Structures are given as C-alpha cells and as structure tokens.
Amino acid sequence: MGDDLVIRVELAGVNPDDVALSFGRGALTISGTRRRDLDEDVEFHTQERFYGEFRRLITLPEDTRADQ
C-alpha cells in the first residue's frame, strides 16, 4: 500500500463546471449544483434524483497538505 490518498466522487448528471473543491482545516469540501435540464411544463408523479445545491465535507488524515 502506498502513501497516496485517492478520493472518488460520482456526480451523475452534474456538469464539472458546476462543482467546486476546497481544502481547509484538514477537510476537503465538495460543493456544487445539479441542474434540472428538463422543460418546466413536464409533470412528474415521482422523481428519484435530487436537484439543487449540495455540499459534502470529507475529513482527511492529519498530515494532509493542500499542496499535495
């Protein structure tokens, strides 16, 4: 096992331009917006995907530095 830290995030339906990454206080924050690209006049009885803003905070090992 190496010293690499790999974080994989699946963001289905999210444009990469709508995602922001930030690092501070030993944590990685992933935030963004999943936009609804459907016509507004379409009605749904049920919807299984969340649309709107999201944010996830991932605590990293103590010795992790932003420049790594």
N, C-alpha and C. Protein backbone atom coordinates (compact mmCIF):
# COMPACT_ATOMS: atom_id res chain seq x y z
N MET A 1 0.85 -1.18 0.00
CA MET A 1 0.00 0.00 0.00
C MET A 1 0.89 1.23 0.00
N GLY A 2 0.58 2.19 -0.86
CA GLY A 2 1.38 3.40 -0.97
C GLY A 2 0.90 4.48 -0.03
N ASP A 3 1.49 5.66 -0.21
CA ASP A 3 1.13 6.81 0.62
C ASP A 3 0.07 7.69 -0.04
N ASP A 4 -0.43 7.26 -1.20
CA ASP A 4 -1.41 8.06 -1.93
C ASP A 4 -2.78 8.01 -1.26
N LEU A 5 -3.47 9.12 -1.33
CA LEU A 5 -4.85 9.21 -0.86
C LEU A 5 -5.70 9.45 -2.09
N VAL A 6 -6.64 8.55 -2.35
CA VAL A 6 -7.50 8.66 -3.52
C VAL A 6 -8.94 8.84 -3.05
N ILE A 7 -9.57 9.87 -3.56
CA ILE A 7 -10.98 10.12 -3.25
C ILE A 7 -11.72 10.13 -4.58
N ARG A 8 -12.70 9.27 -4.73
CA ARG A 8 -13.51 9.20 -5.94
C ARG A 8 -14.91 9.65 -5.60
N VAL A 9 -15.43 10.51 -6.45
CA VAL A 9 -16.77 11.05 -6.24
C VAL A 9 -17.55 10.86 -7.54
N GLU A 10 -18.70 10.23 -7.45
CA GLU A 10 -19.57 10.09 -8.61
C GLU A 10 -20.68 11.13 -8.50
N LEU A 11 -20.76 11.96 -9.52
CA LEU A 11 -21.76 13.02 -9.53
C LEU A 11 -22.56 12.94 -10.82
N ALA A 12 -23.36 11.91 -10.93
CA ALA A 12 -24.15 11.69 -12.15
C ALA A 12 -25.05 12.88 -12.43
N GLY A 13 -25.01 13.34 -13.66
CA GLY A 13 -25.88 14.43 -14.08
C GLY A 13 -25.40 15.81 -13.67
N VAL A 14 -24.17 15.90 -13.13
CA VAL A 14 -23.65 17.20 -12.71
C VAL A 14 -22.55 17.63 -13.68
N ASN A 15 -22.68 18.83 -14.20
CA ASN A 15 -21.67 19.39 -15.09
C ASN A 15 -20.42 19.70 -14.26
N PRO A 16 -19.23 19.27 -14.71
CA PRO A 16 -18.00 19.56 -13.95
C PRO A 16 -17.80 21.06 -13.66
N ASP A 17 -18.32 21.92 -14.52
CA ASP A 17 -18.21 23.37 -14.28
C ASP A 17 -19.05 23.82 -13.09
N ASP A 18 -19.99 22.99 -12.65
CA ASP A 18 -20.87 23.31 -11.52
C ASP A 18 -20.38 22.71 -10.21
N VAL A 19 -19.12 22.25 -10.18
CA VAL A 19 -18.54 21.63 -8.98
C VAL A 19 -17.36 22.46 -8.49
N ALA A 20 -17.27 22.64 -7.18
CA ALA A 20 -16.15 23.37 -6.58
C ALA A 20 -15.51 22.50 -5.51
N LEU A 21 -14.19 22.50 -5.46
CA LEU A 21 -13.43 21.79 -4.44
C LEU A 21 -12.67 22.80 -3.61
N SER A 22 -12.66 22.61 -2.30
CA SER A 22 -11.86 23.48 -1.44
C SER A 22 -11.26 22.64 -0.31
N PHE A 23 -10.13 23.09 0.19
CA PHE A 23 -9.43 22.38 1.25
C PHE A 23 -9.11 23.36 2.36
N GLY A 24 -9.43 22.99 3.58
CA GLY A 24 -9.12 23.83 4.72
C GLY A 24 -9.43 23.12 6.01
N ARG A 25 -8.62 23.40 7.02
CA ARG A 25 -8.80 22.82 8.35
C ARG A 25 -8.87 21.30 8.32
N GLY A 26 -8.06 20.71 7.45
CA GLY A 26 -7.96 19.25 7.40
C GLY A 26 -9.12 18.55 6.73
N ALA A 27 -9.88 19.28 5.93
CA ALA A 27 -11.03 18.66 5.28
C ALA A 27 -11.14 19.13 3.83
N LEU A 28 -11.64 18.25 2.99
CA LEU A 28 -11.94 18.55 1.61
C LEU A 28 -13.45 18.79 1.51
N THR A 29 -13.83 19.91 0.92
CA THR A 29 -15.25 20.21 0.72
C THR A 29 -15.54 20.14 -0.77
N ILE A 30 -16.57 19.38 -1.11
CA ILE A 30 -17.05 19.27 -2.49
C ILE A 30 -18.44 19.87 -2.51
N SER A 31 -18.62 20.88 -3.34
CA SER A 31 -19.94 21.52 -3.41
C SER A 31 -20.28 21.80 -4.87
N GLY A 32 -21.55 21.98 -5.11
CA GLY A 32 -21.97 22.24 -6.47
C GLY A 32 -23.47 22.29 -6.61
N THR A 33 -23.89 22.24 -7.86
CA THR A 33 -25.31 22.30 -8.18
C THR A 33 -25.65 21.29 -9.26
N ARG A 34 -26.67 20.50 -9.01
CA ARG A 34 -27.20 19.62 -10.05
C ARG A 34 -28.42 20.34 -10.63
N ARG A 35 -28.27 20.69 -11.89
CA ARG A 35 -29.32 21.47 -12.55
C ARG A 35 -30.35 20.55 -13.20
N ARG A 36 -31.55 21.02 -13.22
CA ARG A 36 -32.64 20.27 -13.87
C ARG A 36 -32.77 20.80 -15.28
N ASP A 37 -32.39 20.00 -16.26
CA ASP A 37 -32.37 20.43 -17.65
C ASP A 37 -33.61 20.01 -18.41
N LEU A 38 -34.71 19.80 -17.72
CA LEU A 38 -35.94 19.39 -18.38
C LEU A 38 -36.85 20.59 -18.57
N ASP A 39 -37.76 20.46 -19.51
CA ASP A 39 -38.75 21.52 -19.73
C ASP A 39 -39.58 21.72 -18.47
N GLU A 40 -39.86 22.94 -18.15
CA GLU A 40 -40.62 23.26 -16.94
C GLU A 40 -42.08 22.79 -17.02
N ASP A 41 -42.61 22.61 -18.23
CA ASP A 41 -44.01 22.22 -18.36
C ASP A 41 -44.22 20.71 -18.26
N VAL A 42 -43.16 19.95 -18.06
CA VAL A 42 -43.27 18.49 -17.90
C VAL A 42 -43.62 18.18 -16.45
N GLU A 43 -44.65 17.36 -16.24
CA GLU A 43 -45.05 16.99 -14.89
C GLU A 43 -44.57 15.58 -14.56
N PHE A 44 -44.15 15.38 -13.31
CA PHE A 44 -43.70 14.08 -12.84
C PHE A 44 -44.55 13.66 -11.65
N HIS A 45 -44.87 12.39 -11.60
CA HIS A 45 -45.54 11.85 -10.41
C HIS A 45 -44.52 11.44 -9.37
N THR A 46 -43.38 11.03 -9.82
CA THR A 46 -42.30 10.64 -8.91
C THR A 46 -40.97 11.02 -9.54
N GLN A 47 -40.04 11.37 -8.70
CA GLN A 47 -38.72 11.78 -9.17
C GLN A 47 -37.68 11.17 -8.24
N GLU A 48 -36.66 10.53 -8.78
CA GLU A 48 -35.69 9.82 -7.96
C GLU A 48 -34.34 10.50 -7.86
N ARG A 49 -34.20 11.65 -8.42
CA ARG A 49 -32.92 12.35 -8.38
C ARG A 49 -33.11 13.72 -7.74
N PHE A 50 -32.22 14.04 -6.82
CA PHE A 50 -32.25 15.33 -6.15
C PHE A 50 -31.63 16.39 -7.06
N TYR A 51 -32.28 17.53 -7.16
CA TYR A 51 -31.75 18.66 -7.93
C TYR A 51 -31.54 19.82 -6.99
N GLY A 52 -30.52 20.60 -7.26
CA GLY A 52 -30.23 21.76 -6.44
C GLY A 52 -28.79 21.73 -5.95
N GLU A 53 -28.54 22.48 -4.90
CA GLU A 53 -27.20 22.60 -4.36
C GLU A 53 -26.88 21.44 -3.42
N PHE A 54 -25.60 21.07 -3.40
CA PHE A 54 -25.14 20.03 -2.49
C PHE A 54 -23.77 20.41 -1.95
N ARG A 55 -23.41 19.80 -0.81
CA ARG A 55 -22.10 20.03 -0.20
C ARG A 55 -21.75 18.79 0.63
N ARG A 56 -20.54 18.31 0.45
CA ARG A 56 -20.04 17.18 1.23
C ARG A 56 -18.69 17.55 1.82
N LEU A 57 -18.49 17.23 3.08
CA LEU A 57 -17.24 17.51 3.77
C LEU A 57 -16.58 16.18 4.09
N ILE A 58 -15.34 16.02 3.66
CA ILE A 58 -14.60 14.78 3.89
C ILE A 58 -13.39 15.12 4.75
N THR A 59 -13.33 14.59 5.96
CA THR A 59 -12.20 14.80 6.85
C THR A 59 -11.03 13.96 6.35
N LEU A 60 -9.87 14.58 6.22
CA LEU A 60 -8.69 13.92 5.69
C LEU A 60 -7.70 13.62 6.82
N PRO A 61 -6.74 12.72 6.58
CA PRO A 61 -5.73 12.44 7.61
C PRO A 61 -5.02 13.72 8.05
N GLU A 62 -4.58 13.75 9.29
CA GLU A 62 -3.99 14.95 9.89
C GLU A 62 -2.84 15.56 9.11
N ASP A 63 -2.01 14.76 8.51
CA ASP A 63 -0.82 15.27 7.83
C ASP A 63 -1.06 15.66 6.37
N THR A 64 -2.30 15.69 5.92
CA THR A 64 -2.61 16.06 4.53
C THR A 64 -2.44 17.56 4.35
N ARG A 65 -1.73 17.92 3.25
CA ARG A 65 -1.50 19.33 2.95
C ARG A 65 -2.16 19.67 1.61
N ALA A 66 -2.61 20.89 1.46
CA ALA A 66 -3.29 21.33 0.24
C ALA A 66 -2.39 21.23 -0.98
N ASP A 67 -1.08 21.44 -0.83
CA ASP A 67 -0.16 21.41 -1.96
C ASP A 67 0.17 19.99 -2.42
N GLN A 68 -0.33 19.01 -1.73
CA GLN A 68 -0.09 17.61 -2.13
C GLN A 68 -1.15 17.20 -3.11
